[in-house]
Amino acid sequence: MAGTFTAKGDPLLRRASDPGYRVAWKYKYKFERGALEGEMTYGEAKKKAEELQAKEPDKVFWPELIYE
């Protein structure tokens, strides 16, 4: 059974004010991945990902578009 996903924002254009993003993460050397709770704009998610990357160098953080 196939489902349909809709994006909360525009997947092609990433303006700082675009809503519908969250911060996702993964370990560099382990097979674990996750995402932080909460919805924010692309600019906020990017800034938060940069802050978390500086604090935790064993993980990679990035802004991720939320699909429902």
N, C-alpha and C. Protein backbone atom coordinates (compact mmCIF):
# COMPACT_ATOMS: atom_id res chain seq x y z
N MET A 1 0.84 -1.16 0.00
CA MET A 1 0.00 0.00 0.00
C MET A 1 0.89 1.24 0.00
N ALA A 2 0.73 2.08 -0.96
CA ALA A 2 1.56 3.27 -1.09
C ALA A 2 0.89 4.46 -0.42
N GLY A 3 1.71 5.32 0.17
CA GLY A 3 1.20 6.52 0.81
C GLY A 3 1.66 7.75 0.07
N THR A 4 1.09 8.85 0.42
CA THR A 4 1.46 10.12 -0.19
C THR A 4 2.00 11.04 0.89
N PHE A 5 3.15 11.62 0.63
CA PHE A 5 3.76 12.55 1.57
C PHE A 5 3.65 13.96 1.01
N THR A 6 3.38 14.91 1.87
CA THR A 6 3.39 16.31 1.46
C THR A 6 4.41 17.05 2.30
N ALA A 7 5.16 17.92 1.66
CA ALA A 7 6.18 18.70 2.34
C ALA A 7 5.54 19.92 2.98
N LYS A 8 6.07 20.30 4.14
CA LYS A 8 5.55 21.49 4.84
C LYS A 8 6.10 22.77 4.24
N GLY A 9 7.12 22.69 3.42
CA GLY A 9 7.72 23.86 2.79
C GLY A 9 8.09 23.53 1.35
N ASP A 10 8.73 24.46 0.68
CA ASP A 10 9.16 24.27 -0.70
C ASP A 10 10.50 23.53 -0.70
N PRO A 11 10.58 22.33 -1.29
CA PRO A 11 11.83 21.59 -1.25
C PRO A 11 12.92 22.13 -2.17
N LEU A 12 12.58 22.99 -3.12
CA LEU A 12 13.58 23.50 -4.05
C LEU A 12 14.18 24.84 -3.62
N LEU A 13 13.39 25.69 -3.01
CA LEU A 13 13.89 26.99 -2.56
C LEU A 13 14.03 26.99 -1.05
N ARG A 14 15.17 27.43 -0.56
CA ARG A 14 15.39 27.45 0.89
C ARG A 14 15.68 28.88 1.32
N ARG A 15 14.63 29.60 1.61
CA ARG A 15 14.77 30.95 2.15
C ARG A 15 14.80 30.86 3.66
N ALA A 16 15.44 31.80 4.31
CA ALA A 16 15.57 31.77 5.77
C ALA A 16 14.22 31.84 6.47
N SER A 17 13.22 32.41 5.83
CA SER A 17 11.91 32.56 6.45
C SER A 17 10.94 31.41 6.14
N ASP A 18 11.38 30.41 5.38
CA ASP A 18 10.49 29.29 5.02
C ASP A 18 10.22 28.40 6.23
N PRO A 19 8.96 28.15 6.56
CA PRO A 19 8.63 27.27 7.70
C PRO A 19 8.66 25.80 7.29
N GLY A 20 8.58 24.92 8.28
CA GLY A 20 8.45 23.50 8.02
C GLY A 20 9.74 22.71 8.10
N TYR A 21 10.72 23.18 8.86
CA TYR A 21 12.01 22.50 8.98
C TYR A 21 12.26 22.07 10.42
N ARG A 22 13.13 21.09 10.59
CA ARG A 22 13.60 20.65 11.89
C ARG A 22 15.09 20.32 11.75
N VAL A 23 15.76 20.08 12.86
CA VAL A 23 17.17 19.76 12.83
C VAL A 23 17.32 18.24 12.91
N ALA A 24 17.97 17.65 11.92
CA ALA A 24 18.24 16.22 11.90
C ALA A 24 19.72 15.99 12.22
N TRP A 25 20.04 14.79 12.69
CA TRP A 25 21.42 14.48 13.04
C TRP A 25 21.73 13.02 12.76
N LYS A 26 23.02 12.72 12.64
CA LYS A 26 23.49 11.34 12.57
C LYS A 26 24.92 11.31 13.10
N TYR A 27 25.30 10.16 13.64
CA TYR A 27 26.67 9.96 14.09
C TYR A 27 27.56 9.78 12.87
N LYS A 28 28.82 10.22 12.98
CA LYS A 28 29.75 10.07 11.87
C LYS A 28 30.20 8.63 11.71
N TYR A 29 30.33 7.90 12.83
CA TYR A 29 30.91 6.56 12.76
C TYR A 29 30.00 5.47 13.31
N LYS A 30 28.78 5.78 13.63
CA LYS A 30 27.81 4.80 14.11
C LYS A 30 26.61 4.81 13.18
N PHE A 31 25.78 3.79 13.30
CA PHE A 31 24.58 3.71 12.47
C PHE A 31 23.37 4.18 13.26
N GLU A 32 23.40 5.41 13.73
CA GLU A 32 22.28 6.00 14.44
C GLU A 32 21.92 7.31 13.78
N ARG A 33 20.63 7.59 13.75
CA ARG A 33 20.15 8.82 13.14
C ARG A 33 18.90 9.27 13.87
N GLY A 34 18.64 10.56 13.89
CA GLY A 34 17.45 11.07 14.54
C GLY A 34 17.16 12.50 14.14
N ALA A 35 16.16 13.06 14.78
CA ALA A 35 15.78 14.45 14.52
C ALA A 35 15.28 15.06 15.82
N LEU A 36 15.53 16.34 15.98
CA LEU A 36 15.06 17.05 17.16
C LEU A 36 13.58 17.38 17.00
N GLU A 37 12.88 17.43 18.10
CA GLU A 37 11.45 17.76 18.09
C GLU A 37 11.26 19.24 17.81
N GLY A 38 10.14 19.57 17.21
CA GLY A 38 9.78 20.96 16.99
C GLY A 38 9.95 21.39 15.56
N GLU A 39 9.12 22.33 15.16
CA GLU A 39 9.15 22.89 13.82
C GLU A 39 9.68 24.31 13.89
N MET A 40 10.52 24.67 12.93
CA MET A 40 11.09 26.02 12.89
C MET A 40 11.31 26.43 11.44
N THR A 41 11.74 27.66 11.25
CA THR A 41 12.04 28.12 9.89
C THR A 41 13.39 27.57 9.47
N TYR A 42 13.68 27.70 8.18
CA TYR A 42 14.96 27.19 7.65
C TYR A 42 16.13 27.92 8.29
N GLY A 43 16.02 29.23 8.45
CA GLY A 43 17.10 30.02 9.06
C GLY A 43 17.36 29.61 10.50
N GLU A 44 16.30 29.41 11.27
CA GLU A 44 16.46 28.97 12.66
C GLU A 44 17.07 27.58 12.73
N ALA A 45 16.61 26.66 11.88
CA ALA A 45 17.13 25.30 11.88
C ALA A 45 18.61 25.27 11.48
N LYS A 46 18.98 26.08 10.52
CA LYS A 46 20.38 26.13 10.08
C LYS A 46 21.28 26.66 11.18
N LYS A 47 20.83 27.72 11.87
CA LYS A 47 21.62 28.30 12.96
C LYS A 47 21.76 27.31 14.12
N LYS A 48 20.66 26.62 14.46
CA LYS A 48 20.68 25.63 15.55
C LYS A 48 21.59 24.46 15.18
N ALA A 49 21.57 24.03 13.92
CA ALA A 49 22.44 22.94 13.47
C ALA A 49 23.91 23.33 13.58
N GLU A 50 24.23 24.56 13.24
CA GLU A 50 25.62 25.04 13.36
C GLU A 50 26.07 25.08 14.82
N GLU A 51 25.18 25.52 15.72
CA GLU A 51 25.51 25.56 17.15
C GLU A 51 25.73 24.15 17.70
N LEU A 52 24.85 23.22 17.35
CA LEU A 52 24.98 21.85 17.84
C LEU A 52 26.22 21.17 17.26
N GLN A 53 26.56 21.47 16.01
CA GLN A 53 27.76 20.89 15.39
C GLN A 53 29.02 21.31 16.13
N ALA A 54 29.07 22.55 16.60
CA ALA A 54 30.23 23.04 17.36
C ALA A 54 30.33 22.35 18.72
N LYS A 55 29.18 22.02 19.33
CA LYS A 55 29.17 21.39 20.65
C LYS A 55 29.45 19.89 20.59
N GLU A 56 28.97 19.22 19.54
CA GLU A 56 29.08 17.76 19.44
C GLU A 56 29.78 17.39 18.12
N PRO A 57 31.11 17.31 18.12
CA PRO A 57 31.84 17.04 16.86
C PRO A 57 31.71 15.60 16.35
N ASP A 58 31.19 14.67 17.16
CA ASP A 58 31.03 13.29 16.70
C ASP A 58 29.73 13.07 15.93
N LYS A 59 28.91 14.11 15.79
CA LYS A 59 27.65 14.04 15.04
C LYS A 59 27.67 15.06 13.91
N VAL A 60 26.78 14.86 12.95
CA VAL A 60 26.56 15.81 11.86
C VAL A 60 25.12 16.29 11.97
N PHE A 61 24.90 17.59 11.90
CA PHE A 61 23.56 18.19 12.00
C PHE A 61 23.25 18.95 10.73
N TRP A 62 21.96 18.96 10.33
CA TRP A 62 21.53 19.72 9.17
C TRP A 62 20.05 20.04 9.28
N PRO A 63 19.59 21.11 8.59
CA PRO A 63 18.15 21.40 8.54
C PRO A 63 17.46 20.42 7.60
N GLU A 64 16.36 19.85 8.05
CA GLU A 64 15.65 18.84 7.27
C GLU A 64 14.20 19.27 7.09
N LEU A 65 13.70 19.15 5.88
CA LEU A 65 12.31 19.48 5.58
C LEU A 65 11.40 18.40 6.15
N ILE A 66 10.33 18.82 6.81
CA ILE A 66 9.39 17.89 7.42
C ILE A 66 8.35 17.45 6.39
N TYR A 67 8.18 16.14 6.26
CA TYR A 67 7.14 15.57 5.39
C TYR A 67 6.07 14.93 6.26
N GLU A 68 4.83 15.11 5.88
CA GLU A 68 3.70 14.50 6.59
C GLU A 68 3.00 13.51 5.71
